[in-house]
Amino acid sequence: MIPLQSSIIGETFKLALLEDQLKPIGYTIGSNWEYDHGYLDYTIDQENGYTVLRIPFHTKYGELGQKGTTVTLDTPFILAHQYQDDLDDYTSSGSVPLQVSSIVNQFSEPVKKDGEVDEKYVPVAQNLIKEVESLLLP
């Protein structure tokens, strides 16, 4: 993980405005959100896993999933996940038969959940942050 400096850190916005401004240029609300915090993700690369520019945020007013929620942006960072090329060796079926479990749990555990970020992505992420700053800040 590589943190990035930005003038958006600490800025507060309506979540709907962030989505309206950033989704058209490739950002999504990351799947790891909770009711009080979440992430705006931009996939930079998908080679041997994925490399993402992640802009974390936390709620200031309301909860995620509610209309009118206001969020404050936190320090953006680059994140890399590297996946296994073969079958997941950490599957557990519990009381579910292995044949059923393999259908439900089809995704491999990452080789490195927080993989090493290739430095070549830093300038790319910095340019993406500048684009976000130009869209969101006067």
C-alpha atoms as a PDB file:
ATOM      1  CA  MET A   1       0.000   0.000   0.000  1.00  0.00           C
ATOM      2  CA  ILE A   2       1.288   3.444  -0.949  1.00  0.00           C
ATOM      3  CA  PRO A   3      -0.484   6.497   0.558  1.00  0.00           C
ATOM      4  CA  LEU A   4      -0.808   9.572  -1.657  1.00  0.00           C
ATOM      5  CA  GLN A   5      -1.030  13.216  -0.702  1.00  0.00           C
ATOM      6  CA  SER A   6      -3.986  15.182  -2.019  1.00  0.00           C
ATOM      7  CA  SER A   7      -5.933  18.359  -1.389  1.00  0.00           C
ATOM      8  CA  ILE A   8      -9.144  16.298  -1.219  1.00  0.00           C
ATOM      9  CA  ILE A   9      -8.131  14.837   2.163  1.00  0.00           C
ATOM     10  CA  GLY A  10     -10.567  16.079   4.793  1.00  0.00           C
ATOM     11  CA  GLU A  11     -12.996  17.541   2.250  1.00  0.00           C
ATOM     12  CA  THR A  12     -16.697  16.781   2.771  1.00  0.00           C
ATOM     13  CA  PHE A  13     -19.200  15.992  -0.004  1.00  0.00           C
ATOM     14  CA  LYS A  14     -22.609  14.475  -0.545  1.00  0.00           C
ATOM     15  CA  LEU A  15     -21.981  10.863  -1.509  1.00  0.00           C
ATOM     16  CA  ALA A  16     -24.417  11.227  -4.415  1.00  0.00           C
ATOM     17  CA  LEU A  17     -22.295  14.094  -5.811  1.00  0.00           C
ATOM     18  CA  LEU A  18     -19.135  11.959  -5.582  1.00  0.00           C
ATOM     19  CA  GLU A  19     -20.863   9.141  -7.425  1.00  0.00           C
ATOM     20  CA  ASP A  20     -22.226  11.520 -10.092  1.00  0.00           C
ATOM     21  CA  GLN A  21     -18.781  13.038 -10.672  1.00  0.00           C
ATOM     22  CA  LEU A  22     -16.549   9.977 -10.360  1.00  0.00           C
ATOM     23  CA  LYS A  23     -18.500   7.001 -11.725  1.00  0.00           C
ATOM     24  CA  PRO A  24     -18.416   8.355 -15.317  1.00  0.00           C
ATOM     25  CA  ILE A  25     -14.598   8.420 -15.209  1.00  0.00           C
ATOM     26  CA  GLY A  26     -14.284   4.844 -13.911  1.00  0.00           C
ATOM     27  CA  TYR A  27     -14.644   4.908 -10.114  1.00  0.00           C
ATOM     28  CA  THR A  28     -16.875   2.503  -8.226  1.00  0.00           C
ATOM     29  CA  ILE A  29     -17.923   2.199  -4.608  1.00  0.00           C
ATOM     30  CA  GLY A  30     -15.678  -0.625  -3.404  1.00  0.00           C
ATOM     31  CA  SER A  31     -17.273  -3.804  -2.112  1.00  0.00           C
ATOM     32  CA  ASN A  32     -15.716  -3.413   1.355  1.00  0.00           C
ATOM     33  CA  TRP A  33     -18.085  -0.701   2.554  1.00  0.00           C
ATOM     34  CA  GLU A  34     -19.854  -0.534   5.889  1.00  0.00           C
ATOM     35  CA  TYR A  35     -22.579   1.859   7.011  1.00  0.00           C
ATOM     36  CA  ASP A  36     -20.052   4.335   8.378  1.00  0.00           C
ATOM     37  CA  HIS A  37     -17.208   4.115   5.838  1.00  0.00           C
ATOM     38  CA  GLY A  38     -16.304   2.952   2.350  1.00  0.00           C
ATOM     39  CA  TYR A  39     -14.000   3.368  -0.626  1.00  0.00           C
ATOM     40  CA  LEU A  40     -14.070   4.855  -4.086  1.00  0.00           C
ATOM     41  CA  ASP A  41     -11.974   2.522  -6.244  1.00  0.00           C
ATOM     42  CA  TYR A  42     -10.359   2.996  -9.631  1.00  0.00           C
ATOM     43  CA  THR A  43      -8.818  -0.153 -11.123  1.00  0.00           C
ATOM     44  CA  ILE A  44      -5.435   0.775 -12.562  1.00  0.00           C
ATOM     45  CA  ASP A  45      -4.355  -2.705 -13.670  1.00  0.00           C
ATOM     46  CA  GLN A  46      -5.578  -6.302 -13.530  1.00  0.00           C
ATOM     47  CA  GLU A  47      -2.345  -8.161 -14.222  1.00  0.00           C
ATOM     48  CA  ASN A  48      -1.811 -11.085 -11.778  1.00  0.00           C
ATOM     49  CA  GLY A  49      -4.550  -9.752  -9.504  1.00  0.00           C
ATOM     50  CA  TYR A  50      -5.329  -6.078  -9.467  1.00  0.00           C
ATOM     51  CA  THR A  51      -3.901  -2.678  -8.593  1.00  0.00           C
ATOM     52  CA  VAL A  52      -6.351  -0.059  -7.391  1.00  0.00           C
ATOM     53  CA  LEU A  53      -6.348   3.604  -6.517  1.00  0.00           C
ATOM     54  CA  ARG A  54      -8.539   3.675  -3.413  1.00  0.00           C
ATOM     55  CA  ILE A  55     -10.035   6.837  -1.926  1.00  0.00           C
ATOM     56  CA  PRO A  56     -11.378   6.003   1.521  1.00  0.00           C
ATOM     57  CA  PHE A  57     -14.201   7.977   3.096  1.00  0.00           C
ATOM     58  CA  HIS A  58     -16.191   7.982   6.305  1.00  0.00           C
ATOM     59  CA  THR A  59     -19.677   9.250   6.949  1.00  0.00           C
ATOM     60  CA  LYS A  60     -20.159  12.635   8.523  1.00  0.00           C
ATOM     61  CA  TYR A  61     -23.975  12.657   8.348  1.00  0.00           C
ATOM     62  CA  GLY A  62     -26.203   9.691   7.659  1.00  0.00           C
ATOM     63  CA  GLU A  63     -25.297   6.131   6.748  1.00  0.00           C
ATOM     64  CA  LEU A  64     -24.147   4.621   3.470  1.00  0.00           C
ATOM     65  CA  GLY A  65     -27.144   3.393   1.563  1.00  0.00           C
ATOM     66  CA  GLN A  66     -29.311   6.299   2.733  1.00  0.00           C
ATOM     67  CA  LYS A  67     -30.293   9.260   0.610  1.00  0.00           C
ATOM     68  CA  GLY A  68     -28.477  12.497   1.479  1.00  0.00           C
ATOM     69  CA  THR A  69     -25.448  10.918   3.178  1.00  0.00           C
ATOM     70  CA  THR A  70     -22.469  13.239   3.580  1.00  0.00           C
ATOM     71  CA  VAL A  71     -18.939  11.817   3.667  1.00  0.00           C
ATOM     72  CA  THR A  72     -15.444  13.083   4.392  1.00  0.00           C
ATOM     73  CA  LEU A  73     -12.572  11.899   2.185  1.00  0.00           C
ATOM     74  CA  ASP A  74      -9.503  10.339   3.769  1.00  0.00           C
ATOM     75  CA  THR A  75      -5.957   9.723   2.463  1.00  0.00           C
ATOM     76  CA  PRO A  76      -5.975   8.007  -0.966  1.00  0.00           C
ATOM     77  CA  PHE A  77      -3.672   5.060  -1.505  1.00  0.00           C
ATOM     78  CA  ILE A  78      -2.604   2.490  -4.081  1.00  0.00           C
ATOM     79  CA  LEU A  79      -3.386  -1.109  -3.185  1.00  0.00           C
ATOM     80  CA  ALA A  80      -2.386  -4.367  -4.869  1.00  0.00           C
ATOM     81  CA  HIS A  81      -3.883  -7.837  -4.468  1.00  0.00           C
ATOM     82  CA  GLN A  82      -2.146 -10.798  -6.087  1.00  0.00           C
ATOM     83  CA  TYR A  83      -4.188 -13.957  -6.666  1.00  0.00           C
ATOM     84  CA  GLN A  84      -3.228 -17.614  -6.823  1.00  0.00           C
ATOM     85  CA  ASP A  85      -2.992 -19.236 -10.235  1.00  0.00           C
ATOM     86  CA  ASP A  86      -4.279 -22.565  -8.960  1.00  0.00           C
ATOM     87  CA  LEU A  87      -7.015 -23.775  -6.612  1.00  0.00           C
ATOM     88  CA  ASP A  88      -7.549 -22.222  -3.212  1.00  0.00           C
ATOM     89  CA  ASP A  89      -5.739 -24.341  -0.654  1.00  0.00           C
ATOM     90  CA  TYR A  90      -7.492 -22.725   2.309  1.00  0.00           C
ATOM     91  CA  THR A  91     -11.070 -23.730   1.576  1.00  0.00           C
ATOM     92  CA  SER A  92     -13.133 -25.073   4.414  1.00  0.00           C
ATOM     93  CA  SER A  93     -16.414 -26.780   3.918  1.00  0.00           C
ATOM     94  CA  GLY A  94     -17.608 -27.048   7.518  1.00  0.00           C
ATOM     95  CA  SER A  95     -20.829 -29.059   7.449  1.00  0.00           C
ATOM     96  CA  VAL A  96     -21.366 -28.368   3.732  1.00  0.00           C
ATOM     97  CA  PRO A  97     -20.221 -31.107   1.330  1.00  0.00           C
ATOM     98  CA  LEU A  98     -17.018 -30.120  -0.492  1.00  0.00           C
ATOM     99  CA  GLN A  99     -18.735 -30.340  -3.906  1.00  0.00           C
ATOM    100  CA  VAL A 100     -21.324 -27.726  -2.837  1.00  0.00           C
ATOM    101  CA  SER A 101     -18.775 -25.610  -0.986  1.00  0.00           C
ATOM    102  CA  SER A 102     -16.570 -25.347  -4.091  1.00  0.00           C
ATOM    103  CA  ILE A 103     -19.504 -23.969  -6.076  1.00  0.00           C
ATOM    104  CA  VAL A 104     -20.333 -21.344  -3.456  1.00  0.00           C
ATOM    105  CA  ASN A 105     -16.737 -20.462  -2.508  1.00  0.00           C
ATOM    106  CA  GLN A 106     -15.275 -20.233  -5.990  1.00  0.00           C
ATOM    107  CA  PHE A 107     -12.760 -17.442  -5.451  1.00  0.00           C
ATOM    108  CA  SER A 108      -9.168 -18.068  -4.406  1.00  0.00           C
ATOM    109  CA  GLU A 109      -7.621 -16.415  -1.411  1.00  0.00           C
ATOM    110  CA  PRO A 110      -5.105 -13.755  -2.468  1.00  0.00           C
ATOM    111  CA  VAL A 111      -1.460 -14.836  -2.456  1.00  0.00           C
ATOM    112  CA  LYS A 112      -0.776 -11.430  -0.942  1.00  0.00           C
ATOM    113  CA  LYS A 113      -3.790  -9.501   0.285  1.00  0.00           C
ATOM    114  CA  ASP A 114      -1.664  -6.364   0.497  1.00  0.00           C
ATOM    115  CA  GLY A 115       0.761  -7.122  -2.288  1.00  0.00           C
ATOM    116  CA  GLU A 116       3.708  -4.962  -3.135  1.00  0.00           C
ATOM    117  CA  VAL A 117       2.689  -2.090  -5.384  1.00  0.00           C
ATOM    118  CA  ASP A 118       4.851  -1.626  -8.467  1.00  0.00           C
ATOM    119  CA  GLU A 119       6.303   1.908  -8.435  1.00  0.00           C
ATOM    120  CA  LYS A 120       5.275   2.354 -12.083  1.00  0.00           C
ATOM    121  CA  TYR A 121       1.703   2.903 -10.839  1.00  0.00           C
ATOM    122  CA  VAL A 122       2.549   5.887  -8.610  1.00  0.00           C
ATOM    123  CA  PRO A 123       2.577   8.508 -11.421  1.00  0.00           C
ATOM    124  CA  VAL A 124      -0.623   6.994 -12.848  1.00  0.00           C
ATOM    125  CA  ALA A 125      -2.343   7.249  -9.460  1.00  0.00           C
ATOM    126  CA  GLN A 126      -1.057  10.794  -8.924  1.00  0.00           C
ATOM    127  CA  ASN A 127      -2.547  11.848 -12.270  1.00  0.00           C
ATOM    128  CA  LEU A 128      -5.839  10.191 -11.342  1.00  0.00           C
ATOM    129  CA  ILE A 129      -5.879  12.101  -8.047  1.00  0.00           C
ATOM    130  CA  LYS A 130      -5.228  15.379  -9.898  1.00  0.00           C
ATOM    131  CA  GLU A 131      -8.205  14.601 -12.126  1.00  0.00           C
ATOM    132  CA  VAL A 132     -10.393  13.985  -9.058  1.00  0.00           C
ATOM    133  CA  GLU A 133      -9.166  17.225  -7.470  1.00  0.00           C
ATOM    134  CA  SER A 134     -10.023  19.188 -10.626  1.00  0.00           C
ATOM    135  CA  LEU A 135     -13.532  17.701 -10.667  1.00  0.00           C
ATOM    136  CA  LEU A 136     -14.307  18.170  -6.983  1.00  0.00           C
ATOM    137  CA  LEU A 137     -12.445  21.291  -5.856  1.00  0.00           C
ATOM    138  CA  PRO A 138     -12.957  24.868  -7.053  1.00  0.00           C
END
